[in-house]
Amino acid sequence: MSPEQLIGYVGICKAISMGAEYYQIDADRCTECIGHYDRPTCQQVCPIDHTIIADPQRVESHDALWEKFVLLHHADRL
């Protein structure tokens, strides 16, 4: 993925934002790309290997991630 594509992805993903020095992922907004892609895209587009690691203290089921996606992106239609 080119730097332009990476910037474009980060621009549309509302769960990723620039922190003081690094990009940060807001777990309350992250759906692991369920509803958009087949797998978490941040892991594919990050230019540094092994930097995006799942938090073992915050494991969410596919159904919970899907519900979060619906609430975040389609709450106005519920």
PDB file of N, CA and C in Angstrom:
ATOM      1  N   MET A   1       0.846  -1.177   0.000  1.00  0.00           N
ATOM      2  CA  MET A   1       0.000   0.000   0.000  1.00  0.00           C
ATOM      3  C   MET A   1       0.888   1.235   0.000  1.00  0.00           C
ATOM      4  N   SER A   2       0.536   2.182  -0.824  1.00  0.00           N
ATOM      5  CA  SER A   2       1.325   3.406  -0.932  1.00  0.00           C
ATOM      6  C   SER A   2       1.058   4.323   0.269  1.00  0.00           C
ATOM      7  N   PRO A   3       1.962   5.268   0.532  1.00  0.00           N
ATOM      8  CA  PRO A   3       1.718   6.225   1.621  1.00  0.00           C
ATOM      9  C   PRO A   3       0.400   6.984   1.448  1.00  0.00           C
ATOM     10  N   GLU A   4       0.033   7.284   0.206  1.00  0.00           N
ATOM     11  CA  GLU A   4      -1.219   7.996  -0.047  1.00  0.00           C
ATOM     12  C   GLU A   4      -2.425   7.137   0.332  1.00  0.00           C
ATOM     13  N   GLN A   5      -2.351   5.836   0.018  1.00  0.00           N
ATOM     14  CA  GLN A   5      -3.439   4.933   0.382  1.00  0.00           C
ATOM     15  C   GLN A   5      -3.538   4.787   1.897  1.00  0.00           C
ATOM     16  N   LEU A   6      -2.384   4.719   2.570  1.00  0.00           N
ATOM     17  CA  LEU A   6      -2.369   4.622   4.026  1.00  0.00           C
ATOM     18  C   LEU A   6      -3.019   5.853   4.645  1.00  0.00           C
ATOM     19  N   ILE A   7      -2.653   7.013   4.178  1.00  0.00           N
ATOM     20  CA  ILE A   7      -3.241   8.248   4.692  1.00  0.00           C
ATOM     21  C   ILE A   7      -4.732   8.274   4.413  1.00  0.00           C
ATOM     22  N   GLY A   8      -5.147   7.812   3.243  1.00  0.00           N
ATOM     23  CA  GLY A   8      -6.562   7.742   2.914  1.00  0.00           C
ATOM     24  C   GLY A   8      -7.311   6.809   3.833  1.00  0.00           C
ATOM     25  N   TYR A   9      -6.720   5.644   4.141  1.00  0.00           N
ATOM     26  CA  TYR A   9      -7.369   4.694   5.042  1.00  0.00           C
ATOM     27  C   TYR A   9      -7.523   5.298   6.423  1.00  0.00           C
ATOM     28  N   VAL A  10      -6.449   5.878   6.955  1.00  0.00           N
ATOM     29  CA  VAL A  10      -6.506   6.473   8.288  1.00  0.00           C
ATOM     30  C   VAL A  10      -7.525   7.606   8.304  1.00  0.00           C
ATOM     31  N   GLY A  11      -7.662   8.316   7.207  1.00  0.00           N
ATOM     32  CA  GLY A  11      -8.627   9.408   7.132  1.00  0.00           C
ATOM     33  C   GLY A  11     -10.068   8.948   7.213  1.00  0.00           C
ATOM     34  N   ILE A  12     -10.375   7.733   6.726  1.00  0.00           N
ATOM     35  CA  ILE A  12     -11.756   7.263   6.775  1.00  0.00           C
ATOM     36  C   ILE A  12     -12.053   6.400   7.988  1.00  0.00           C
ATOM     37  N   CYS A  13     -11.019   5.852   8.620  1.00  0.00           N
ATOM     38  CA  CYS A  13     -11.222   5.008   9.801  1.00  0.00           C
ATOM     39  C   CYS A  13     -11.345   5.913  11.019  1.00  0.00           C
ATOM     40  N   LYS A  14     -12.521   5.968  11.591  1.00  0.00           N
ATOM     41  CA  LYS A  14     -12.763   6.855  12.730  1.00  0.00           C
ATOM     42  C   LYS A  14     -12.153   6.336  14.026  1.00  0.00           C
ATOM     43  N   ALA A  15     -11.653   5.104  14.033  1.00  0.00           N
ATOM     44  CA  ALA A  15     -11.059   4.535  15.240  1.00  0.00           C
ATOM     45  C   ALA A  15      -9.576   4.872  15.360  1.00  0.00           C
ATOM     46  N   ILE A  16      -8.958   5.341  14.277  1.00  0.00           N
ATOM     47  CA  ILE A  16      -7.528   5.649  14.292  1.00  0.00           C
ATOM     48  C   ILE A  16      -7.334   7.153  14.239  1.00  0.00           C
ATOM     49  N   SER A  17      -6.479   7.645  15.148  1.00  0.00           N
ATOM     50  CA  SER A  17      -6.166   9.074  15.151  1.00  0.00           C
ATOM     51  C   SER A  17      -4.701   9.256  15.519  1.00  0.00           C
ATOM     52  N   MET A  18      -4.181  10.416  15.217  1.00  0.00           N
ATOM     53  CA  MET A  18      -2.789  10.713  15.530  1.00  0.00           C
ATOM     54  C   MET A  18      -2.690  11.139  16.977  1.00  0.00           C
ATOM     55  N   GLY A  19      -1.844  10.448  17.733  1.00  0.00           N
ATOM     56  CA  GLY A  19      -1.584  10.820  19.113  1.00  0.00           C
ATOM     57  C   GLY A  19      -0.446  11.819  19.164  1.00  0.00           C
ATOM     58  N   ALA A  20       0.184  11.970  20.323  1.00  0.00           N
ATOM     59  CA  ALA A  20       1.293  12.910  20.474  1.00  0.00           C
ATOM     60  C   ALA A  20       2.461  12.547  19.551  1.00  0.00           C
ATOM     61  N   GLU A  21       2.759  11.252  19.455  1.00  0.00           N
ATOM     62  CA  GLU A  21       3.867  10.815  18.613  1.00  0.00           C
ATOM     63  C   GLU A  21       3.491   9.702  17.652  1.00  0.00           C
ATOM     64  N   TYR A  22       2.453   8.947  17.977  1.00  0.00           N
ATOM     65  CA  TYR A  22       2.087   7.767  17.205  1.00  0.00           C
ATOM     66  C   TYR A  22       0.592   7.764  16.921  1.00  0.00           C
ATOM     67  N   TYR A  23       0.210   6.991  15.930  1.00  0.00           N
ATOM     68  CA  TYR A  23      -1.208   6.765  15.696  1.00  0.00           C
ATOM     69  C   TYR A  23      -1.762   5.914  16.829  1.00  0.00           C
ATOM     70  N   GLN A  24      -3.002   6.179  17.202  1.00  0.00           N
ATOM     71  CA  GLN A  24      -3.649   5.443  18.283  1.00  0.00           C
ATOM     72  C   GLN A  24      -4.951   4.850  17.771  1.00  0.00           C
ATOM     73  N   ILE A  25      -5.328   3.708  18.331  1.00  0.00           N
ATOM     74  CA  ILE A  25      -6.584   3.063  17.976  1.00  0.00           C
ATOM     75  C   ILE A  25      -7.520   3.164  19.174  1.00  0.00           C
ATOM     76  N   ASP A  26      -8.682   3.740  18.951  1.00  0.00           N
ATOM     77  CA  ASP A  26      -9.708   3.866  19.986  1.00  0.00           C
ATOM     78  C   ASP A  26     -10.523   2.572  20.004  1.00  0.00           C
ATOM     79  N   ALA A  27     -10.327   1.759  21.020  1.00  0.00           N
ATOM     80  CA  ALA A  27     -10.994   0.457  21.103  1.00  0.00           C
ATOM     81  C   ALA A  27     -12.519   0.591  21.153  1.00  0.00           C
ATOM     82  N   ASP A  28     -13.015   1.726  21.638  1.00  0.00           N
ATOM     83  CA  ASP A  28     -14.471   1.928  21.690  1.00  0.00           C
ATOM     84  C   ASP A  28     -15.067   2.148  20.302  1.00  0.00           C
ATOM     85  N   ARG A  29     -14.253   2.540  19.346  1.00  0.00           N
ATOM     86  CA  ARG A  29     -14.726   2.776  17.987  1.00  0.00           C
ATOM     87  C   ARG A  29     -14.242   1.720  16.995  1.00  0.00           C
ATOM     88  N   CYS A  30     -13.283   0.888  17.407  1.00  0.00           N
ATOM     89  CA  CYS A  30     -12.727  -0.123  16.509  1.00  0.00           C
ATOM     90  C   CYS A  30     -13.656  -1.331  16.417  1.00  0.00           C
ATOM     91  N   THR A  31     -13.979  -1.704  15.182  1.00  0.00           N
ATOM     92  CA  THR A  31     -14.805  -2.899  14.936  1.00  0.00           C
ATOM     93  C   THR A  31     -13.979  -3.994  14.270  1.00  0.00           C
ATOM     94  N   GLU A  32     -12.645  -3.825  14.294  1.00  0.00           N
ATOM     95  CA  GLU A  32     -11.739  -4.739  13.597  1.00  0.00           C
ATOM     96  C   GLU A  32     -12.149  -4.877  12.137  1.00  0.00           C
ATOM     97  N   CYS A  33     -12.685  -3.810  11.595  1.00  0.00           N
ATOM     98  CA  CYS A  33     -13.098  -3.665  10.193  1.00  0.00           C
ATOM     99  C   CYS A  33     -14.309  -4.523   9.812  1.00  0.00           C
ATOM    100  N   ILE A  34     -14.953  -5.146  10.786  1.00  0.00           N
ATOM    101  CA  ILE A  34     -16.187  -5.884  10.490  1.00  0.00           C
ATOM    102  C   ILE A  34     -17.191  -4.885   9.936  1.00  0.00           C
ATOM    103  N   GLY A  35     -17.819  -5.254   8.849  1.00  0.00           N
ATOM    104  CA  GLY A  35     -18.737  -4.362   8.162  1.00  0.00           C
ATOM    105  C   GLY A  35     -18.091  -3.637   6.997  1.00  0.00           C
ATOM    106  N   HIS A  36     -16.751  -3.678   6.945  1.00  0.00           N
ATOM    107  CA  HIS A  36     -16.016  -3.016   5.862  1.00  0.00           C
ATOM    108  C   HIS A  36     -15.110  -3.977   5.101  1.00  0.00           C
ATOM    109  N   TYR A  37     -14.310  -4.756   5.837  1.00  0.00           N
ATOM    110  CA  TYR A  37     -13.304  -5.629   5.235  1.00  0.00           C
ATOM    111  C   TYR A  37     -13.354  -7.014   5.874  1.00  0.00           C
ATOM    112  N   ASP A  38     -12.652  -7.970   5.275  1.00  0.00           N
ATOM    113  CA  ASP A  38     -12.629  -9.342   5.777  1.00  0.00           C
ATOM    114  C   ASP A  38     -11.764  -9.524   7.022  1.00  0.00           C
ATOM    115  N   ARG A  39     -10.789  -8.647   7.197  1.00  0.00           N
ATOM    116  CA  ARG A  39      -9.911  -8.725   8.370  1.00  0.00           C
ATOM    117  C   ARG A  39      -9.464  -7.322   8.740  1.00  0.00           C
ATOM    118  N   PRO A  40      -8.920  -7.130   9.948  1.00  0.00           N
ATOM    119  CA  PRO A  40      -8.493  -5.793  10.349  1.00  0.00           C
ATOM    120  C   PRO A  40      -7.502  -5.186   9.352  1.00  0.00           C
ATOM    121  N   THR A  41      -7.891  -4.115   8.734  1.00  0.00           N
ATOM    122  CA  THR A  41      -7.083  -3.507   7.681  1.00  0.00           C
ATOM    123  C   THR A  41      -5.896  -2.750   8.240  1.00  0.00           C
ATOM    124  N   CYS A  42      -5.980  -2.246   9.454  1.00  0.00           N
ATOM    125  CA  CYS A  42      -4.857  -1.500  10.016  1.00  0.00           C
ATOM    126  C   CYS A  42      -3.599  -2.360  10.037  1.00  0.00           C
ATOM    127  N   GLN A  43      -3.760  -3.660  10.296  1.00  0.00           N
ATOM    128  CA  GLN A  43      -2.609  -4.557  10.303  1.00  0.00           C
ATOM    129  C   GLN A  43      -2.008  -4.690   8.911  1.00  0.00           C
ATOM    130  N   GLN A  44      -2.830  -4.610   7.878  1.00  0.00           N
ATOM    131  CA  GLN A  44      -2.335  -4.728   6.506  1.00  0.00           C
ATOM    132  C   GLN A  44      -1.656  -3.451   6.037  1.00  0.00           C
ATOM    133  N   VAL A  45      -2.144  -2.294   6.452  1.00  0.00           N
ATOM    134  CA  VAL A  45      -1.625  -1.039   5.918  1.00  0.00           C
ATOM    135  C   VAL A  45      -0.505  -0.432   6.752  1.00  0.00           C
ATOM    136  N   CYS A  46      -0.334  -0.887   7.979  1.00  0.00           N
ATOM    137  CA  CYS A  46       0.715  -0.322   8.823  1.00  0.00           C
ATOM    138  C   CYS A  46       2.079  -0.643   8.228  1.00  0.00           C
ATOM    139  N   PRO A  47       2.920   0.363   8.036  1.00  0.00           N
ATOM    140  CA  PRO A  47       4.224   0.124   7.414  1.00  0.00           C
ATOM    141  C   PRO A  47       5.230  -0.569   8.342  1.00  0.00           C
ATOM    142  N   ILE A  48       4.899  -0.715   9.613  1.00  0.00           N
ATOM    143  CA  ILE A  48       5.810  -1.354  10.563  1.00  0.00           C
ATOM    144  C   ILE A  48       5.178  -2.663  11.021  1.00  0.00           C
ATOM    145  N   ASP A  49       5.871  -3.765  10.800  1.00  0.00           N
ATOM    146  CA  ASP A  49       5.356  -5.087  11.159  1.00  0.00           C
ATOM    147  C   ASP A  49       5.239  -5.263  12.675  1.00  0.00           C
ATOM    148  N   HIS A  50       4.226  -6.006  13.080  1.00  0.00           N
ATOM    149  CA  HIS A  50       4.025  -6.437  14.466  1.00  0.00           C
ATOM    150  C   HIS A  50       3.858  -5.285  15.453  1.00  0.00           C
ATOM    151  N   THR A  51       3.265  -4.196  15.026  1.00  0.00           N
ATOM    152  CA  THR A  51       3.031  -3.082  15.948  1.00  0.00           C
ATOM    153  C   THR A  51       1.571  -2.996  16.389  1.00  0.00           C
ATOM    154  N   ILE A  52       0.677  -3.601  15.643  1.00  0.00           N
ATOM    155  CA  ILE A  52      -0.742  -3.581  16.007  1.00  0.00           C
ATOM    156  C   ILE A  52      -1.076  -4.967  16.542  1.00  0.00           C
ATOM    157  N   ILE A  53      -1.187  -5.030  17.853  1.00  0.00           N
ATOM    158  CA  ILE A  53      -1.383  -6.297  18.537  1.00  0.00           C
ATOM    159  C   ILE A  53      -2.710  -6.241  19.289  1.00  0.00           C
ATOM    160  N   ALA A  54      -3.476  -7.305  19.190  1.00  0.00           N
ATOM    161  CA  ALA A  54      -4.769  -7.357  19.891  1.00  0.00           C
ATOM    162  C   ALA A  54      -4.535  -7.309  21.399  1.00  0.00           C
ATOM    163  N   ASP A  55      -5.423  -6.610  22.085  1.00  0.00           N
ATOM    164  CA  ASP A  55      -5.359  -6.493  23.540  1.00  0.00           C
ATOM    165  C   ASP A  55      -6.047  -7.711  24.158  1.00  0.00           C
ATOM    166  N   PRO A  56      -5.312  -8.584  24.835  1.00  0.00           N
ATOM    167  CA  PRO A  56      -5.930  -9.787  25.401  1.00  0.00           C
ATOM    168  C   PRO A  56      -6.952  -9.476  26.495  1.00  0.00           C
ATOM    169  N   GLN A  57      -6.914  -8.266  27.032  1.00  0.00           N
ATOM    170  CA  GLN A  57      -7.876  -7.864  28.053  1.00  0.00           C
ATOM    171  C   GLN A  57      -9.181  -7.348  27.444  1.00  0.00           C
ATOM    172  N   ARG A  58      -9.182  -7.201  26.132  1.00  0.00           N
ATOM    173  CA  ARG A  58     -10.362  -6.645  25.467  1.00  0.00           C
ATOM    174  C   ARG A  58     -10.688  -7.463  24.212  1.00  0.00           C
ATOM    175  N   VAL A  59     -11.118  -8.677  24.417  1.00  0.00           N
ATOM    176  CA  VAL A  59     -11.481  -9.553  23.308  1.00  0.00           C
ATOM    177  C   VAL A  59     -12.985  -9.426  23.091  1.00  0.00           C
ATOM    178  N   GLU A  60     -13.378  -9.141  21.846  1.00  0.00           N
ATOM    179  CA  GLU A  60     -14.792  -8.989  21.514  1.00  0.00           C
ATOM    180  C   GLU A  60     -15.186 -10.031  20.478  1.00  0.00           C
ATOM    181  N   SER A  61     -16.362 -10.586  20.650  1.00  0.00           N
ATOM    182  CA  SER A  61     -16.850 -11.587  19.699  1.00  0.00           C
ATOM    183  C   SER A  61     -17.220 -10.916  18.375  1.00  0.00           C
ATOM    184  N   HIS A  62     -17.349 -11.722  17.342  1.00  0.00           N
ATOM    185  CA  HIS A  62     -17.771 -11.221  16.037  1.00  0.00           C
ATOM    186  C   HIS A  62     -19.126 -10.515  16.170  1.00  0.00           C
ATOM    187  N   ASP A  63     -20.045 -11.106  16.924  1.00  0.00           N
ATOM    188  CA  ASP A  63     -21.369 -10.496  17.097  1.00  0.00           C
ATOM    189  C   ASP A  63     -21.283  -9.150  17.812  1.00  0.00           C
ATOM    190  N   ALA A  64     -20.424  -9.051  18.821  1.00  0.00           N
ATOM    191  CA  ALA A  64     -20.269  -7.779  19.546  1.00  0.00           C
ATOM    192  C   ALA A  64     -19.657  -6.714  18.638  1.00  0.00           C
ATOM    193  N   LEU A  65     -18.685  -7.111  17.820  1.00  0.00           N
ATOM    194  CA  LEU A  65     -18.076  -6.159  16.882  1.00  0.00           C
ATOM    195  C   LEU A  65     -19.085  -5.724  15.822  1.00  0.00           C
ATOM    196  N   TRP A  66     -19.907  -6.645  15.352  1.00  0.00           N
ATOM    197  CA  TRP A  66     -20.938  -6.312  14.367  1.00  0.00           C
ATOM    198  C   TRP A  66     -21.943  -5.335  14.971  1.00  0.00           C
ATOM    199  N   GLU A  67     -22.355  -5.576  16.202  1.00  0.00           N
ATOM    200  CA  GLU A  67     -23.304  -4.672  16.868  1.00  0.00           C
ATOM    201  C   GLU A  67     -22.697  -3.278  17.023  1.00  0.00           C
ATOM    202  N   LYS A  68     -21.423  -3.222  17.390  1.00  0.00           N
ATOM    203  CA  LYS A  68     -20.744  -1.928  17.510  1.00  0.00           C
ATOM    204  C   LYS A  68     -20.715  -1.215  16.159  1.00  0.00           C
ATOM    205  N   PHE A  69     -20.411  -1.955  15.083  1.00  0.00           N
ATOM    206  CA  PHE A  69     -20.412  -1.377  13.738  1.00  0.00           C
ATOM    207  C   PHE A  69     -21.774  -0.772  13.406  1.00  0.00           C
ATOM    208  N   VAL A  70     -22.830  -1.526  13.655  1.00  0.00           N
ATOM    209  CA  VAL A  70     -24.178  -1.039  13.349  1.00  0.00           C
ATOM    210  C   VAL A  70     -24.487   0.211  14.156  1.00  0.00           C
ATOM    211  N   LEU A  71     -24.179   0.210  15.437  1.00  0.00           N
ATOM    212  CA  LEU A  71     -24.455   1.376  16.271  1.00  0.00           C
ATOM    213  C   LEU A  71     -23.643   2.595  15.863  1.00  0.00           C
ATOM    214  N   LEU A  72     -22.385   2.385  15.493  1.00  0.00           N
ATOM    215  CA  LEU A  72     -21.528   3.501  15.098  1.00  0.00           C
ATOM    216  C   LEU A  72     -21.877   4.081  13.732  1.00  0.00           C
ATOM    217  N   HIS A  73     -22.280   3.216  12.802  1.00  0.00           N
ATOM    218  CA  HIS A  73     -22.449   3.655  11.426  1.00  0.00           C
ATOM    219  C   HIS A  73     -23.885   3.733  10.937  1.00  0.00           C
ATOM    220  N   HIS A  74     -24.813   3.145  11.684  1.00  0.00           N
ATOM    221  CA  HIS A  74     -26.193   3.122  11.220  1.00  0.00           C
ATOM    222  C   HIS A  74     -27.218   3.419  12.321  1.00  0.00           C
ATOM    223  N   ALA A  75     -26.767   4.031  13.412  1.00  0.00           N
ATOM    224  CA  ALA A  75     -27.658   4.313  14.536  1.00  0.00           C
ATOM    225  C   ALA A  75     -28.828   5.206  14.129  1.00  0.00           C
ATOM    226  N   ASP A  76     -28.605   6.068  13.129  1.00  0.00           N
ATOM    227  CA  ASP A  76     -29.664   6.977  12.693  1.00  0.00           C
ATOM    228  C   ASP A  76     -30.792   6.239  11.985  1.00  0.00           C
ATOM    229  N   ARG A  77     -30.553   4.993  11.594  1.00  0.00           N
ATOM    230  CA  ARG A  77     -31.580   4.221  10.885  1.00  0.00           C
ATOM    231  C   ARG A  77     -32.278   3.192  11.785  1.00  0.00           C
ATOM    232  N   LEU A  78     -31.860   3.114  13.042  1.00  0.00           N
ATOM    233  CA  LEU A  78     -32.457   2.124  13.945  1.00  0.00           C
ATOM    234  C   LEU A  78     -33.761   2.634  14.528  1.00  0.00           C
TER     235      LEU A  78
END
